[in-house]
């Protein structure tokens, strides 16, 4: 059972990293030329969760730079707010599910100890 809890704890840490990456993407939505990142969780050694963070290099939309005298185009961030917010909802639910598993384990262990002692 301890290994299971360690897996849940590593999952919580991985979900925290995913949320931080998504929050950074949202915070930089209005930054010109910003390229979003994506955090993908995979299974690592000993049933631990490993997070891989990659930069997504797809171009952002091009708009006219009104601050430039030449009227040249500038690239905006490639962050999609709707995508980020839906990812954050999923991450929140995954975090809550793993937290519930840990709480249930703690409660079960306490009940067993009460029965024994």
Protein backbone atom coordinates (compact mmCIF):
# COMPACT_ATOMS: atom_id res chain seq x y z
CA UNK A 1 0.00 0.00 0.00
CA UNK A 2 2.93 2.35 0.65
CA UNK A 3 4.03 2.04 -2.99
CA UNK A 4 0.54 3.07 -4.07
CA UNK A 5 0.66 6.18 -1.89
CA UNK A 6 4.11 7.06 -3.26
CA UNK A 7 2.67 6.80 -6.77
CA UNK A 8 -0.19 9.10 -5.77
CA UNK A 9 2.22 11.60 -4.26
CA UNK A 10 4.37 11.62 -7.40
CA UNK A 11 1.18 12.10 -9.43
CA UNK A 12 0.24 15.11 -7.27
CA UNK A 13 3.69 16.59 -7.91
CA UNK A 14 3.31 15.96 -11.65
CA UNK A 15 -0.13 17.60 -11.72
CA UNK A 16 1.34 20.60 -9.90
CA UNK A 17 3.96 20.91 -12.65
CA UNK A 18 1.27 20.64 -15.32
CA UNK A 19 -0.77 23.37 -13.66
CA UNK A 20 2.29 25.63 -13.36
CA UNK A 21 3.05 25.21 -17.07
CA UNK A 22 -0.55 25.97 -18.01
CA UNK A 23 -0.65 29.00 -15.69
CA UNK A 24 2.55 30.31 -17.31
CA UNK A 25 0.94 29.91 -20.74
CA UNK A 26 -2.13 31.86 -19.63
CA UNK A 27 0.00 34.57 -18.00
CA UNK A 28 1.88 35.09 -21.27
CA UNK A 29 -1.14 35.04 -23.58
CA UNK A 30 -0.64 38.71 -24.47
CA UNK A 31 3.15 38.46 -24.87
CA UNK A 32 4.24 38.87 -28.49
CA UNK A 33 6.09 35.86 -29.94
CA UNK A 34 5.45 33.74 -26.82
CA UNK A 35 5.47 30.00 -27.49
CA UNK A 36 3.35 27.88 -25.16
CA UNK A 37 4.69 24.81 -23.38
CA UNK A 38 2.98 21.52 -22.72
CA UNK A 39 3.56 19.20 -19.75
CA UNK A 40 2.88 15.53 -20.43
CA UNK A 41 2.83 12.98 -17.62
CA UNK A 42 4.17 9.50 -18.29
CA UNK A 43 4.93 6.45 -16.20
CA UNK A 44 8.47 6.47 -14.85
CA UNK A 45 10.48 4.02 -12.82
CA UNK A 46 8.87 2.25 -9.84
CA UNK A 47 5.36 3.39 -10.85
CA UNK A 48 6.34 7.01 -10.33
CA UNK A 49 4.88 9.73 -12.56
CA UNK A 50 7.36 11.59 -14.73
CA UNK A 51 6.59 14.97 -16.32
CA UNK A 52 8.02 15.92 -19.70
CA UNK A 53 7.79 19.61 -20.62
CA UNK A 54 8.09 20.60 -24.26
CA UNK A 55 7.84 23.91 -26.11
CA UNK A 56 5.16 24.04 -28.81
CA UNK A 57 6.60 25.95 -31.77
CA UNK A 58 3.45 26.40 -33.84
CA UNK A 59 3.21 30.01 -34.98
CA UNK A 60 0.81 32.41 -33.34
CA UNK A 61 -1.54 34.62 -35.32
CA UNK A 62 -0.04 37.48 -37.32
CA UNK A 63 -1.49 40.97 -36.83
CA UNK A 64 -0.55 44.43 -38.00
CA UNK A 65 1.78 46.18 -35.55
CA UNK A 66 0.08 49.54 -35.08
CA UNK A 67 3.05 50.84 -33.08
CA UNK A 68 5.32 50.43 -36.09
CA UNK A 69 5.55 53.14 -38.77
CA UNK A 70 6.02 50.51 -41.46
CA UNK A 71 2.81 48.63 -40.65
CA UNK A 72 4.67 45.33 -40.60
CA UNK A 73 3.15 42.20 -39.08
CA UNK A 74 3.94 40.85 -35.63
CA UNK A 75 3.34 37.37 -34.27
CA UNK A 76 1.20 36.98 -31.17
CA UNK A 77 1.32 34.19 -28.59
CA UNK A 78 0.25 30.74 -29.76
CA UNK A 79 -1.58 30.14 -26.47
CA UNK A 80 -5.27 29.20 -26.74
CA UNK A 81 -7.05 30.29 -23.54
CA UNK A 82 -9.96 27.84 -24.04
CA UNK A 83 -7.51 24.94 -24.38
CA UNK A 84 -5.58 26.00 -21.28
CA UNK A 85 -8.69 26.42 -19.14
CA UNK A 86 -10.11 23.05 -20.16
CA UNK A 87 -6.70 21.46 -19.38
CA UNK A 88 -6.74 23.14 -15.97
CA UNK A 89 -10.18 21.68 -15.20
CA UNK A 90 -8.90 18.20 -16.07
CA UNK A 91 -5.74 18.69 -13.98
CA UNK A 92 -7.86 19.86 -11.03
CA UNK A 93 -10.01 16.70 -11.23
CA UNK A 94 -6.93 14.44 -11.49
CA UNK A 95 -5.41 16.19 -8.49
CA UNK A 96 -8.64 15.76 -6.49
CA UNK A 97 -8.88 12.05 -7.37
CA UNK A 98 -5.33 11.34 -6.19
CA UNK A 99 -5.88 13.37 -3.04
CA UNK A 100 -9.02 11.33 -2.29
CA UNK A 101 -7.05 8.07 -2.68
CA UNK A 102 -4.49 9.30 -0.13
CA UNK A 103 -7.23 10.42 2.29
CA UNK A 104 -9.03 7.07 1.97
CA UNK A 105 -5.78 5.21 2.64
CA UNK A 106 -5.16 7.32 5.75
CA UNK A 107 -8.71 6.67 7.00
CA UNK A 108 -8.45 2.92 6.32
CA UNK A 109 -5.09 2.70 8.09
CA UNK A 110 -6.52 4.57 11.09
CA UNK A 111 -9.51 2.23 11.24
CA UNK A 112 -7.26 -0.85 11.09
CA UNK A 113 -5.08 0.51 13.88
CA UNK A 114 -8.18 1.21 15.98
CA UNK A 115 -9.34 -2.39 15.48
CA UNK A 116 -5.94 -3.82 16.41
CA UNK A 117 -5.20 -1.58 19.38
